[in-house]
Amino acid sequence: AVAAAGDDRRVWATVGVHPHEAASLDDAALARLEGLARRPRVVAVGECGLDYYRDLAPRERQREAFLAQVGLARRLGLPLVVHVREAADDALALLDREAGDLTVVLHCFSLADRLDECLARGWYLSFAGNVTYRNAGDLRAAAARVPADRLLVETDAPFLAPVPRRGRRNRPAWLVHTARLLAEVRGEPPAALAAATTENARRVFGITLEG
């Protein structure tokens, strides 16, 4: 991603260690991560966070890796892109304790039952293709309530391809399907939602779109 961002002015990168790989984040890896995070077109730390659903890394190591990356984002003044799955209590508590005034983006937002808490903390909520799935009524209801200036939309490619492409390898071009669904549930014209989420991304990540 960092190389792609260097080669193409339409691309920016974030760098982080996913909770599934938390056990790999030793001191040397953290130093390498910091070196990448200091590159000019790297605009955030993450995704990082906690995933107790698959438990592919010990939970204590997940918490340690998450804490280290929160600290990195604070040192560099970068936004933090956060992954949370079946770990809301621990993730929110750690962020409350350690994030300070960081700009926080909850990636692939799934905490519909904690929506008000997340909004009260001033965080940005980013919705992915799973909001289009039939069983995601709670996410759609949450998306309808997010203030326009806190809303982001993402692909999570290559995962979570939206309806009508569900089950296939996801592609950035399919973001349009998720955006259209979000506009529908919010009662907004798709163009208005696209403009708002684009402006939010510019503000959060400090990017300038060219051309």
N, C-alpha and C. Protein backbone atom coordinates (compact mmCIF):
# COMPACT_ATOMS: atom_id res chain seq x y z
N ALA A 1 0.82 -1.20 0.00
CA ALA A 1 0.00 0.00 0.00
C ALA A 1 0.86 1.26 0.00
N VAL A 2 1.93 1.24 0.77
CA VAL A 2 2.80 2.41 0.82
C VAL A 2 3.47 2.62 -0.53
N ALA A 3 3.90 1.54 -1.16
CA ALA A 3 4.50 1.65 -2.49
C ALA A 3 3.50 2.18 -3.50
N ALA A 4 2.27 1.67 -3.43
CA ALA A 4 1.23 2.14 -4.36
C ALA A 4 0.97 3.62 -4.17
N ALA A 5 0.95 4.07 -2.92
CA ALA A 5 0.72 5.49 -2.66
C ALA A 5 1.85 6.35 -3.21
N GLY A 6 3.06 5.80 -3.22
CA GLY A 6 4.16 6.55 -3.79
C GLY A 6 4.14 6.62 -5.30
N ASP A 7 3.50 5.62 -5.91
CA ASP A 7 3.48 5.54 -7.37
C ASP A 7 2.28 6.22 -8.02
N ASP A 8 1.22 6.43 -7.27
CA ASP A 8 -0.04 6.90 -7.86
C ASP A 8 -0.61 8.00 -6.98
N ARG A 9 -0.75 9.19 -7.52
CA ARG A 9 -1.21 10.33 -6.73
C ARG A 9 -2.66 10.22 -6.31
N ARG A 10 -3.37 9.22 -6.79
CA ARG A 10 -4.76 9.00 -6.37
C ARG A 10 -4.85 8.09 -5.15
N VAL A 11 -3.72 7.63 -4.66
CA VAL A 11 -3.69 6.61 -3.61
C VAL A 11 -2.97 7.14 -2.38
N TRP A 12 -3.54 6.86 -1.21
CA TRP A 12 -2.90 7.10 0.08
C TRP A 12 -2.91 5.78 0.85
N ALA A 13 -2.10 5.70 1.88
CA ALA A 13 -1.98 4.44 2.62
C ALA A 13 -2.21 4.67 4.11
N THR A 14 -2.65 3.61 4.77
CA THR A 14 -2.58 3.53 6.22
C THR A 14 -1.71 2.32 6.55
N VAL A 15 -1.09 2.33 7.70
CA VAL A 15 -0.23 1.21 8.09
C VAL A 15 -0.57 0.79 9.51
N GLY A 16 -0.68 -0.52 9.70
CA GLY A 16 -0.99 -1.03 11.02
C GLY A 16 -0.87 -2.54 11.05
N VAL A 17 -0.98 -3.09 12.24
CA VAL A 17 -0.96 -4.53 12.45
C VAL A 17 -2.34 -4.95 12.93
N HIS A 18 -3.00 -5.77 12.12
CA HIS A 18 -4.34 -6.27 12.43
C HIS A 18 -4.28 -7.12 13.70
N PRO A 19 -5.35 -7.14 14.49
CA PRO A 19 -5.31 -7.95 15.72
C PRO A 19 -5.03 -9.42 15.48
N HIS A 20 -5.39 -9.96 14.31
CA HIS A 20 -5.05 -11.36 14.03
C HIS A 20 -3.54 -11.59 14.06
N GLU A 21 -2.77 -10.54 13.74
CA GLU A 21 -1.31 -10.65 13.66
C GLU A 21 -0.62 -10.00 14.85
N ALA A 22 -1.36 -9.78 15.92
CA ALA A 22 -0.82 -9.00 17.03
C ALA A 22 0.43 -9.60 17.63
N ALA A 23 0.54 -10.92 17.63
CA ALA A 23 1.71 -11.56 18.24
C ALA A 23 2.99 -11.23 17.50
N SER A 24 2.89 -10.74 16.27
CA SER A 24 4.09 -10.40 15.49
C SER A 24 4.64 -9.01 15.81
N LEU A 25 3.92 -8.22 16.58
CA LEU A 25 4.33 -6.83 16.81
C LEU A 25 5.29 -6.75 17.99
N ASP A 26 6.55 -7.12 17.73
CA ASP A 26 7.59 -6.95 18.73
C ASP A 26 8.23 -5.57 18.55
N ASP A 27 9.26 -5.29 19.31
CA ASP A 27 9.87 -3.95 19.25
C ASP A 27 10.41 -3.63 17.86
N ALA A 28 11.01 -4.62 17.22
CA ALA A 28 11.57 -4.39 15.88
C ALA A 28 10.47 -4.11 14.88
N ALA A 29 9.38 -4.87 14.97
CA ALA A 29 8.27 -4.65 14.04
C ALA A 29 7.63 -3.29 14.28
N LEU A 30 7.53 -2.89 15.54
CA LEU A 30 6.95 -1.58 15.83
C LEU A 30 7.83 -0.47 15.26
N ALA A 31 9.14 -0.64 15.34
CA ALA A 31 10.05 0.36 14.76
C ALA A 31 9.88 0.43 13.24
N ARG A 32 9.72 -0.72 12.59
CA ARG A 32 9.49 -0.72 11.15
C ARG A 32 8.16 -0.05 10.82
N LEU A 33 7.16 -0.33 11.64
CA LEU A 33 5.85 0.28 11.43
C LEU A 33 5.94 1.79 11.56
N GLU A 34 6.68 2.26 12.53
CA GLU A 34 6.84 3.71 12.69
C GLU A 34 7.54 4.32 11.48
N GLY A 35 8.54 3.62 10.96
CA GLY A 35 9.21 4.11 9.76
C GLY A 35 8.25 4.25 8.59
N LEU A 36 7.38 3.27 8.42
CA LEU A 36 6.38 3.36 7.35
C LEU A 36 5.39 4.49 7.62
N ALA A 37 4.97 4.61 8.88
CA ALA A 37 3.97 5.63 9.23
C ALA A 37 4.48 7.04 8.99
N ARG A 38 5.78 7.21 8.97
CA ARG A 38 6.36 8.53 8.73
C ARG A 38 6.50 8.86 7.24
N ARG A 39 6.16 7.92 6.38
CA ARG A 39 6.24 8.19 4.94
C ARG A 39 5.20 9.24 4.56
N PRO A 40 5.49 10.06 3.54
CA PRO A 40 4.66 11.25 3.29
C PRO A 40 3.22 10.98 2.89
N ARG A 41 2.91 9.86 2.24
CA ARG A 41 1.53 9.62 1.82
C ARG A 41 0.83 8.57 2.68
N VAL A 42 1.38 8.35 3.87
CA VAL A 42 0.70 7.52 4.87
C VAL A 42 -0.11 8.46 5.75
N VAL A 43 -1.42 8.21 5.83
CA VAL A 43 -2.32 9.19 6.44
C VAL A 43 -2.98 8.72 7.73
N ALA A 44 -2.69 7.48 8.17
CA ALA A 44 -3.29 6.99 9.42
C ALA A 44 -2.55 5.76 9.89
N VAL A 45 -2.75 5.44 11.15
CA VAL A 45 -2.29 4.18 11.73
C VAL A 45 -3.47 3.23 11.81
N GLY A 46 -3.31 2.03 11.30
CA GLY A 46 -4.37 1.04 11.34
C GLY A 46 -4.52 0.35 10.00
N GLU A 47 -5.40 -0.64 9.94
CA GLU A 47 -6.33 -0.92 10.98
C GLU A 47 -5.65 -1.69 12.09
N CYS A 48 -6.04 -1.38 13.29
CA CYS A 48 -5.56 -2.06 14.48
C CYS A 48 -6.74 -2.15 15.44
N GLY A 49 -6.61 -2.97 16.45
CA GLY A 49 -7.72 -3.06 17.40
C GLY A 49 -7.79 -4.41 18.07
N LEU A 50 -9.01 -4.87 18.31
CA LEU A 50 -9.25 -6.11 19.03
C LEU A 50 -10.27 -6.95 18.28
N ASP A 51 -9.99 -8.25 18.17
CA ASP A 51 -10.91 -9.19 17.53
C ASP A 51 -10.98 -10.44 18.39
N TYR A 52 -12.05 -10.52 19.20
CA TYR A 52 -12.25 -11.68 20.06
C TYR A 52 -13.15 -12.71 19.40
N TYR A 53 -13.58 -12.45 18.17
CA TYR A 53 -14.44 -13.40 17.47
C TYR A 53 -13.63 -14.60 17.00
N ARG A 54 -12.53 -14.34 16.32
CA ARG A 54 -11.69 -15.43 15.83
C ARG A 54 -10.57 -15.79 16.81
N ASP A 55 -10.17 -14.84 17.64
CA ASP A 55 -9.12 -15.11 18.63
C ASP A 55 -7.88 -15.73 18.00
N LEU A 56 -7.41 -15.17 16.90
CA LEU A 56 -6.24 -15.72 16.22
C LEU A 56 -4.93 -15.29 16.87
N ALA A 57 -5.01 -14.37 17.80
CA ALA A 57 -3.86 -14.01 18.64
C ALA A 57 -4.36 -13.95 20.08
N PRO A 58 -3.51 -14.26 21.05
CA PRO A 58 -3.94 -14.18 22.44
C PRO A 58 -4.47 -12.78 22.76
N ARG A 59 -5.51 -12.73 23.55
CA ARG A 59 -6.15 -11.44 23.81
C ARG A 59 -5.23 -10.44 24.47
N GLU A 60 -4.38 -10.90 25.36
CA GLU A 60 -3.45 -9.97 25.99
C GLU A 60 -2.48 -9.39 24.97
N ARG A 61 -2.03 -10.21 24.02
CA ARG A 61 -1.15 -9.69 22.97
C ARG A 61 -1.91 -8.72 22.07
N GLN A 62 -3.18 -9.00 21.82
CA GLN A 62 -3.98 -8.05 21.05
C GLN A 62 -4.04 -6.70 21.74
N ARG A 63 -4.29 -6.73 23.04
CA ARG A 63 -4.39 -5.47 23.77
C ARG A 63 -3.06 -4.73 23.77
N GLU A 64 -1.97 -5.46 23.92
CA GLU A 64 -0.64 -4.83 23.91
C GLU A 64 -0.35 -4.20 22.55
N ALA A 65 -0.67 -4.92 21.48
CA ALA A 65 -0.41 -4.39 20.13
C ALA A 65 -1.29 -3.18 19.84
N PHE A 66 -2.52 -3.24 20.27
CA PHE A 66 -3.43 -2.11 20.08
C PHE A 66 -2.91 -0.89 20.82
N LEU A 67 -2.52 -1.08 22.07
CA LEU A 67 -2.00 0.02 22.88
C LEU A 67 -0.76 0.63 22.22
N ALA A 68 0.12 -0.21 21.70
CA ALA A 68 1.33 0.29 21.06
C ALA A 68 1.00 1.15 19.85
N GLN A 69 -0.02 0.74 19.09
CA GLN A 69 -0.37 1.50 17.89
C GLN A 69 -1.15 2.77 18.22
N VAL A 70 -1.92 2.75 19.28
CA VAL A 70 -2.52 4.00 19.76
C VAL A 70 -1.40 4.98 20.12
N GLY A 71 -0.40 4.49 20.81
CA GLY A 71 0.73 5.34 21.17
C GLY A 71 1.45 5.88 19.95
N LEU A 72 1.62 5.04 18.93
CA LEU A 72 2.27 5.49 17.70
C LEU A 72 1.47 6.60 17.03
N ALA A 73 0.17 6.41 16.93
CA ALA A 73 -0.68 7.44 16.33
C ALA A 73 -0.58 8.75 17.10
N ARG A 74 -0.54 8.67 18.40
CA ARG A 74 -0.43 9.89 19.21
C ARG A 74 0.92 10.57 18.98
N ARG A 75 1.99 9.79 18.93
CA ARG A 75 3.31 10.39 18.73
C ARG A 75 3.40 11.11 17.39
N LEU A 76 2.78 10.53 16.37
CA LEU A 76 2.90 11.08 15.02
C LEU A 76 1.76 12.02 14.65
N GLY A 77 0.76 12.13 15.51
CA GLY A 77 -0.37 13.00 15.21
C GLY A 77 -1.21 12.51 14.05
N LEU A 78 -1.33 11.19 13.92
CA LEU A 78 -2.10 10.59 12.83
C LEU A 78 -3.43 10.06 13.34
N PRO A 79 -4.45 10.02 12.48
CA PRO A 79 -5.70 9.36 12.85
C PRO A 79 -5.47 7.87 13.11
N LEU A 80 -6.41 7.26 13.82
CA LEU A 80 -6.35 5.85 14.17
C LEU A 80 -7.54 5.13 13.56
N VAL A 81 -7.28 4.11 12.76
CA VAL A 81 -8.33 3.30 12.14
C VAL A 81 -8.47 2.02 12.95
N VAL A 82 -9.66 1.79 13.51
CA VAL A 82 -9.84 0.78 14.55
C VAL A 82 -10.76 -0.34 14.08
N HIS A 83 -10.30 -1.57 14.30
CA HIS A 83 -11.07 -2.79 14.06
C HIS A 83 -11.56 -3.30 15.41
N VAL A 84 -12.86 -3.51 15.54
CA VAL A 84 -13.43 -4.07 16.77
C VAL A 84 -14.43 -5.15 16.39
N ARG A 85 -14.21 -6.37 16.88
CA ARG A 85 -15.18 -7.44 16.66
C ARG A 85 -15.30 -8.26 17.93
N GLU A 86 -16.50 -8.29 18.48
CA GLU A 86 -16.81 -9.02 19.71
C GLU A 86 -15.87 -8.60 20.85
N ALA A 87 -15.47 -7.34 20.86
CA ALA A 87 -14.52 -6.87 21.86
C ALA A 87 -14.81 -5.42 22.25
N ALA A 88 -16.06 -5.03 22.18
CA ALA A 88 -16.39 -3.61 22.35
C ALA A 88 -15.99 -3.09 23.73
N ASP A 89 -16.27 -3.83 24.78
CA ASP A 89 -15.98 -3.31 26.12
C ASP A 89 -14.50 -3.00 26.28
N ASP A 90 -13.65 -3.95 25.91
CA ASP A 90 -12.21 -3.73 26.07
C ASP A 90 -11.70 -2.65 25.13
N ALA A 91 -12.19 -2.63 23.90
CA ALA A 91 -11.70 -1.64 22.93
C ALA A 91 -12.08 -0.23 23.35
N LEU A 92 -13.33 -0.04 23.73
CA LEU A 92 -13.76 1.30 24.13
C LEU A 92 -13.05 1.75 25.39
N ALA A 93 -12.85 0.83 26.33
CA ALA A 93 -12.15 1.19 27.56
C ALA A 93 -10.71 1.60 27.28
N LEU A 94 -10.04 0.86 26.40
CA LEU A 94 -8.66 1.20 26.08
C LEU A 94 -8.58 2.55 25.38
N LEU A 95 -9.49 2.79 24.44
CA LEU A 95 -9.49 4.08 23.74
C LEU A 95 -9.80 5.22 24.71
N ASP A 96 -10.74 5.02 25.59
CA ASP A 96 -11.06 6.06 26.57
C ASP A 96 -9.84 6.41 27.42
N ARG A 97 -9.07 5.39 27.75
CA ARG A 97 -7.91 5.58 28.62
C ARG A 97 -6.73 6.18 27.89
N GLU A 98 -6.54 5.81 26.62
CA GLU A 98 -5.27 6.07 25.95
C GLU A 98 -5.33 6.97 24.73
N ALA A 99 -6.50 7.12 24.11
CA ALA A 99 -6.54 7.79 22.80
C ALA A 99 -6.42 9.31 22.90
N GLY A 100 -6.79 9.87 24.04
CA GLY A 100 -6.71 11.32 24.17
C GLY A 100 -7.54 12.00 23.11
N ASP A 101 -6.94 12.96 22.41
CA ASP A 101 -7.68 13.70 21.40
C ASP A 101 -7.44 13.17 19.98
N LEU A 102 -7.04 11.91 19.87
CA LEU A 102 -6.86 11.31 18.55
C LEU A 102 -8.15 11.34 17.75
N THR A 103 -8.01 11.50 16.44
CA THR A 103 -9.13 11.27 15.53
C THR A 103 -9.25 9.76 15.34
N VAL A 104 -10.42 9.22 15.69
CA VAL A 104 -10.64 7.77 15.65
C VAL A 104 -11.69 7.45 14.59
N VAL A 105 -11.36 6.49 13.74
CA VAL A 105 -12.30 5.96 12.74
C VAL A 105 -12.60 4.52 13.10
N LEU A 106 -13.86 4.21 13.35
CA LEU A 106 -14.26 2.83 13.58
C LEU A 106 -14.53 2.19 12.23
N HIS A 107 -13.57 1.41 11.78
CA HIS A 107 -13.60 0.76 10.47
C HIS A 107 -14.63 -0.37 10.46
N CYS A 108 -15.29 -0.54 9.32
CA CYS A 108 -16.29 -1.61 9.16
C CYS A 108 -17.22 -1.62 10.38
N PHE A 109 -17.86 -0.51 10.63
CA PHE A 109 -18.60 -0.29 11.87
C PHE A 109 -19.60 -1.41 12.11
N SER A 110 -19.55 -1.97 13.32
CA SER A 110 -20.46 -3.07 13.67
C SER A 110 -21.08 -2.90 15.05
N LEU A 111 -20.80 -1.79 15.71
CA LEU A 111 -21.25 -1.61 17.10
C LEU A 111 -22.58 -0.87 17.15
N ALA A 112 -23.57 -1.42 16.45
CA ALA A 112 -24.86 -0.74 16.36
C ALA A 112 -25.46 -0.50 17.74
N ASP A 113 -25.25 -1.44 18.66
CA ASP A 113 -25.82 -1.29 20.00
C ASP A 113 -25.04 -0.31 20.86
N ARG A 114 -23.90 0.17 20.38
CA ARG A 114 -23.10 1.16 21.11
C ARG A 114 -23.00 2.47 20.33
N LEU A 115 -23.92 2.67 19.40
CA LEU A 115 -23.85 3.83 18.50
C LEU A 115 -23.75 5.13 19.27
N ASP A 116 -24.63 5.34 20.22
CA ASP A 116 -24.65 6.63 20.92
C ASP A 116 -23.35 6.87 21.67
N GLU A 117 -22.77 5.82 22.26
CA GLU A 117 -21.50 5.97 22.95
C GLU A 117 -20.39 6.39 21.99
N CYS A 118 -20.38 5.77 20.82
CA CYS A 118 -19.34 6.09 19.83
C CYS A 118 -19.48 7.53 19.33
N LEU A 119 -20.71 7.94 19.08
CA LEU A 119 -20.93 9.31 18.62
C LEU A 119 -20.56 10.32 19.71
N ALA A 120 -20.89 9.99 20.95
CA ALA A 120 -20.58 10.90 22.05
C ALA A 120 -19.08 11.12 22.21
N ARG A 121 -18.29 10.15 21.78
CA ARG A 121 -16.83 10.28 21.86
C ARG A 121 -16.25 11.06 20.68
N GLY A 122 -17.09 11.43 19.74
CA GLY A 122 -16.61 12.22 18.60
C GLY A 122 -15.96 11.41 17.51
N TRP A 123 -16.17 10.11 17.49
CA TRP A 123 -15.51 9.25 16.51
C TRP A 123 -16.24 9.27 15.18
N TYR A 124 -15.52 8.87 14.15
CA TYR A 124 -16.09 8.70 12.81
C TYR A 124 -16.45 7.23 12.62
N LEU A 125 -17.58 7.00 11.94
CA LEU A 125 -18.08 5.64 11.75
C LEU A 125 -18.07 5.33 10.26
N SER A 126 -17.37 4.26 9.90
CA SER A 126 -17.19 3.89 8.50
C SER A 126 -17.93 2.59 8.22
N PHE A 127 -18.81 2.63 7.24
CA PHE A 127 -19.65 1.47 6.91
C PHE A 127 -19.13 0.78 5.66
N ALA A 128 -19.14 -0.56 5.71
CA ALA A 128 -18.63 -1.39 4.61
C ALA A 128 -19.79 -2.15 3.97
N GLY A 129 -19.43 -3.05 3.05
CA GLY A 129 -20.44 -3.75 2.26
C GLY A 129 -21.42 -4.58 3.05
N ASN A 130 -21.04 -4.99 4.26
CA ASN A 130 -21.97 -5.82 5.04
C ASN A 130 -23.23 -5.07 5.45
N VAL A 131 -23.23 -3.74 5.38
CA VAL A 131 -24.46 -2.99 5.69
C VAL A 131 -25.55 -3.28 4.66
N THR A 132 -25.17 -3.80 3.50
CA THR A 132 -26.16 -4.13 2.46
C THR A 132 -26.77 -5.51 2.63
N TYR A 133 -26.29 -6.30 3.58
CA TYR A 133 -26.74 -7.68 3.71
C TYR A 133 -28.12 -7.75 4.36
N ARG A 134 -28.87 -8.76 4.01
CA ARG A 134 -30.26 -8.87 4.46
C ARG A 134 -30.37 -8.85 5.98
N ASN A 135 -29.42 -9.48 6.67
CA ASN A 135 -29.52 -9.60 8.13
C ASN A 135 -28.92 -8.41 8.88
N ALA A 136 -28.61 -7.33 8.17
CA ALA A 136 -27.91 -6.19 8.78
C ALA A 136 -28.84 -5.02 9.06
N GLY A 137 -30.07 -5.31 9.44
CA GLY A 137 -31.01 -4.24 9.72
C GLY A 137 -30.54 -3.32 10.83
N ASP A 138 -29.84 -3.88 11.83
CA ASP A 138 -29.36 -3.03 12.92
C ASP A 138 -28.31 -2.04 12.43
N LEU A 139 -27.46 -2.48 11.51
CA LEU A 139 -26.46 -1.56 10.96
C LEU A 139 -27.10 -0.48 10.11
N ARG A 140 -28.11 -0.86 9.33
CA ARG A 140 -28.79 0.15 8.51
C ARG A 140 -29.48 1.18 9.39
N ALA A 141 -30.10 0.72 10.48
CA ALA A 141 -30.75 1.65 11.39
C ALA A 141 -29.72 2.59 12.02
N ALA A 142 -28.55 2.05 12.36
CA ALA A 142 -27.49 2.89 12.91
C ALA A 142 -27.00 3.90 11.88
N ALA A 143 -26.79 3.44 10.66
CA ALA A 143 -26.30 4.33 9.61
C ALA A 143 -27.25 5.49 9.36
N ALA A 144 -28.54 5.23 9.51
CA ALA A 144 -29.53 6.28 9.29
C ALA A 144 -29.42 7.39 10.33
N ARG A 145 -28.81 7.10 11.48
CA ARG A 145 -28.75 8.06 12.58
C ARG A 145 -27.41 8.78 12.70
N VAL A 146 -26.43 8.37 11.95
CA VAL A 146 -25.10 8.99 12.07
C VAL A 146 -25.13 10.39 11.48
N PRO A 147 -24.68 11.40 12.20
CA PRO A 147 -24.61 12.75 11.62
C PRO A 147 -23.78 12.75 10.34
N ALA A 148 -24.18 13.58 9.39
CA ALA A 148 -23.52 13.58 8.09
C ALA A 148 -22.03 13.86 8.19
N ASP A 149 -21.62 14.63 9.20
CA ASP A 149 -20.20 14.98 9.30
C ASP A 149 -19.37 13.94 10.04
N ARG A 150 -19.98 12.79 10.39
CA ARG A 150 -19.24 11.70 11.05
C ARG A 150 -19.25 10.42 10.23
N LEU A 151 -19.81 10.46 9.05
CA LEU A 151 -20.05 9.25 8.26
C LEU A 151 -18.95 9.04 7.22
N LEU A 152 -18.47 7.80 7.14
CA LEU A 152 -17.55 7.39 6.09
C LEU A 152 -18.07 6.11 5.46
N VAL A 153 -17.60 5.83 4.25
CA VAL A 153 -17.98 4.60 3.54
C VAL A 153 -16.71 3.97 3.00
N GLU A 154 -16.65 2.64 3.03
CA GLU A 154 -15.43 1.91 2.66
C GLU A 154 -15.80 0.61 1.97
N THR A 155 -14.78 -0.07 1.43
CA THR A 155 -15.02 -1.37 0.81
C THR A 155 -14.66 -2.53 1.73
N ASP A 156 -13.61 -2.42 2.51
CA ASP A 156 -12.95 -3.55 3.19
C ASP A 156 -12.49 -4.58 2.18
N ALA A 157 -12.24 -4.15 0.94
CA ALA A 157 -11.75 -5.07 -0.09
C ALA A 157 -10.44 -5.73 0.37
N PRO A 158 -10.29 -7.02 0.06
CA PRO A 158 -11.09 -7.86 -0.84
C PRO A 158 -12.27 -8.56 -0.18
N PHE A 159 -12.61 -8.16 1.04
CA PHE A 159 -13.68 -8.83 1.78
C PHE A 159 -14.99 -8.05 1.68
N LEU A 160 -16.08 -8.68 2.12
CA LEU A 160 -17.38 -8.03 2.31
C LEU A 160 -17.90 -7.32 1.07
N ALA A 161 -17.86 -8.00 -0.05
CA ALA A 161 -18.44 -7.43 -1.27
C ALA A 161 -19.92 -7.14 -1.03
N PRO A 162 -20.39 -5.97 -1.43
CA PRO A 162 -21.78 -5.60 -1.17
C PRO A 162 -22.74 -6.31 -2.12
N VAL A 163 -23.99 -6.40 -1.69
CA VAL A 163 -25.06 -6.80 -2.60
C VAL A 163 -25.10 -5.75 -3.71
N PRO A 164 -25.12 -6.11 -4.99
CA PRO A 164 -25.41 -7.41 -5.59
C PRO A 164 -24.17 -8.22 -5.94
N ARG A 165 -23.01 -7.89 -5.38
CA ARG A 165 -21.77 -8.61 -5.70
C ARG A 165 -21.35 -9.54 -4.57
N ARG A 166 -22.20 -9.75 -3.60
CA ARG A 166 -21.84 -10.54 -2.43
C ARG A 166 -21.35 -11.92 -2.85
N GLY A 167 -20.31 -12.38 -2.14
CA GLY A 167 -19.74 -13.69 -2.42
C GLY A 167 -18.56 -13.65 -3.37
N ARG A 168 -18.33 -12.52 -4.00
CA ARG A 168 -17.20 -12.37 -4.91
C ARG A 168 -16.07 -11.61 -4.21
N ARG A 169 -14.91 -11.63 -4.82
CA ARG A 169 -13.78 -10.86 -4.28
C ARG A 169 -14.09 -9.38 -4.45
N ASN A 170 -14.10 -8.65 -3.37
CA ASN A 170 -14.53 -7.25 -3.40
C ASN A 170 -13.52 -6.39 -4.15
N ARG A 171 -14.03 -5.30 -4.72
CA ARG A 171 -13.21 -4.36 -5.49
C ARG A 171 -13.57 -2.94 -5.09
N PRO A 172 -12.60 -2.02 -5.12
CA PRO A 172 -12.91 -0.63 -4.79
C PRO A 172 -14.05 -0.04 -5.61
N ALA A 173 -14.17 -0.45 -6.87
CA ALA A 173 -15.22 0.11 -7.73
C ALA A 173 -16.62 -0.20 -7.22
N TRP A 174 -16.74 -1.22 -6.38
CA TRP A 174 -18.07 -1.60 -5.89
C TRP A 174 -18.50 -0.79 -4.68
N LEU A 175 -17.69 0.15 -4.27
CA LEU A 175 -18.09 1.06 -3.19
C LEU A 175 -19.42 1.73 -3.50
N VAL A 176 -19.68 1.95 -4.77
CA VAL A 176 -20.90 2.65 -5.18
C VAL A 176 -22.15 1.94 -4.67
N HIS A 177 -22.14 0.61 -4.59
CA HIS A 177 -23.32 -0.12 -4.13
C HIS A 177 -23.59 0.16 -2.65
N THR A 178 -22.53 0.19 -1.85
CA THR A 178 -22.69 0.50 -0.43
C THR A 178 -23.14 1.94 -0.25
N ALA A 179 -22.57 2.85 -1.01
CA ALA A 179 -22.95 4.26 -0.90
C ALA A 179 -24.40 4.47 -1.28
N ARG A 180 -24.87 3.80 -2.31
CA ARG A 180 -26.27 3.95 -2.71
C ARG A 180 -27.21 3.43 -1.63
N LEU A 181 -26.85 2.32 -1.01
CA LEU A 181 -27.68 1.78 0.06
C LEU A 181 -27.72 2.75 1.24
N LEU A 182 -26.58 3.30 1.61
CA LEU A 182 -26.54 4.26 2.71
C LEU A 182 -27.39 5.48 2.40
N ALA A 183 -27.31 5.97 1.18
CA ALA A 183 -28.13 7.12 0.80
C ALA A 183 -29.61 6.78 0.91
N GLU A 184 -29.97 5.58 0.51
CA GLU A 184 -31.38 5.17 0.57
C GLU A 184 -31.89 5.14 2.00
N VAL A 185 -31.13 4.51 2.90
CA VAL A 185 -31.62 4.38 4.28
C VAL A 185 -31.61 5.72 4.99
N ARG A 186 -30.79 6.65 4.53
CA ARG A 186 -30.73 7.97 5.15
C ARG A 186 -31.68 8.96 4.48
N GLY A 187 -32.32 8.55 3.39
CA GLY A 187 -33.24 9.44 2.69
C GLY A 187 -32.54 10.60 2.02
N GLU A 188 -31.34 10.34 1.49
CA GLU A 188 -30.54 11.38 0.87
C GLU A 188 -30.28 11.04 -0.59
N PRO A 189 -30.08 12.03 -1.45
CA PRO A 189 -29.62 11.74 -2.81
C PRO A 189 -28.22 11.13 -2.76
N PRO A 190 -27.95 10.13 -3.58
CA PRO A 190 -26.60 9.54 -3.59
C PRO A 190 -25.49 10.56 -3.77
N ALA A 191 -25.73 11.57 -4.59
CA ALA A 191 -24.68 12.58 -4.82
C ALA A 191 -24.37 13.36 -3.54
N ALA A 192 -25.40 13.61 -2.74
CA ALA A 192 -25.18 14.34 -1.49
C ALA A 192 -24.37 13.50 -0.51
N LEU A 193 -24.71 12.20 -0.43
CA LEU A 193 -23.95 11.33 0.46
C LEU A 193 -22.51 11.21 -0.01
N ALA A 194 -22.31 11.09 -1.31
CA ALA A 194 -20.95 10.99 -1.85
C ALA A 194 -20.14 12.25 -1.52
N ALA A 195 -20.76 13.41 -1.67
CA ALA A 195 -20.06 14.66 -1.38
C ALA A 195 -19.70 14.75 0.10
N ALA A 196 -20.64 14.38 0.97
CA ALA A 196 -20.39 14.48 2.41
C ALA A 196 -19.30 13.52 2.85
N THR A 197 -19.35 12.28 2.40
CA THR A 197 -18.35 11.31 2.84
C THR A 197 -16.98 11.61 2.25
N THR A 198 -16.95 12.15 1.05
CA THR A 198 -15.67 12.55 0.47
C THR A 198 -15.05 13.69 1.27
N GLU A 199 -15.86 14.67 1.63
CA GLU A 199 -15.35 15.78 2.44
C GLU A 199 -14.88 15.28 3.81
N ASN A 200 -15.62 14.35 4.40
CA ASN A 200 -15.20 13.79 5.68
C ASN A 200 -13.85 13.10 5.56
N ALA A 201 -13.66 12.32 4.50
CA ALA A 201 -12.38 11.64 4.30
C ALA A 201 -11.25 12.64 4.13
N ARG A 202 -11.50 13.71 3.39
CA ARG A 202 -10.48 14.75 3.25
C ARG A 202 -10.09 15.32 4.61
N ARG A 203 -11.11 15.60 5.42
CA ARG A 203 -10.86 16.22 6.72
C ARG A 203 -10.14 15.25 7.66
N VAL A 204 -10.61 14.01 7.73
CA VAL A 204 -10.03 13.04 8.65
C VAL A 204 -8.58 12.75 8.30
N PHE A 205 -8.32 12.50 7.03
CA PHE A 205 -7.01 12.02 6.62
C PHE A 205 -6.09 13.12 6.08
N GLY A 206 -6.62 14.35 6.01
CA GLY A 206 -5.79 15.46 5.56
C GLY A 206 -5.33 15.34 4.13
N ILE A 207 -6.19 14.81 3.27
CA ILE A 207 -5.80 14.58 1.88
C ILE A 207 -6.40 15.64 0.97
N THR A 208 -5.76 15.84 -0.15
CA THR A 208 -6.24 16.74 -1.18
C THR A 208 -6.45 15.94 -2.45
N LEU A 209 -7.67 15.99 -2.99
CA LEU A 209 -7.97 15.27 -4.22
C LEU A 209 -7.61 16.14 -5.40
N GLU A 210 -6.92 15.54 -6.34
CA GLU A 210 -6.44 16.28 -7.51
C GLU A 210 -7.27 15.93 -8.73
N GLY A 211 -7.47 16.90 -9.61
CA GLY A 211 -8.10 16.64 -10.90
C GLY A 211 -9.60 16.52 -10.82
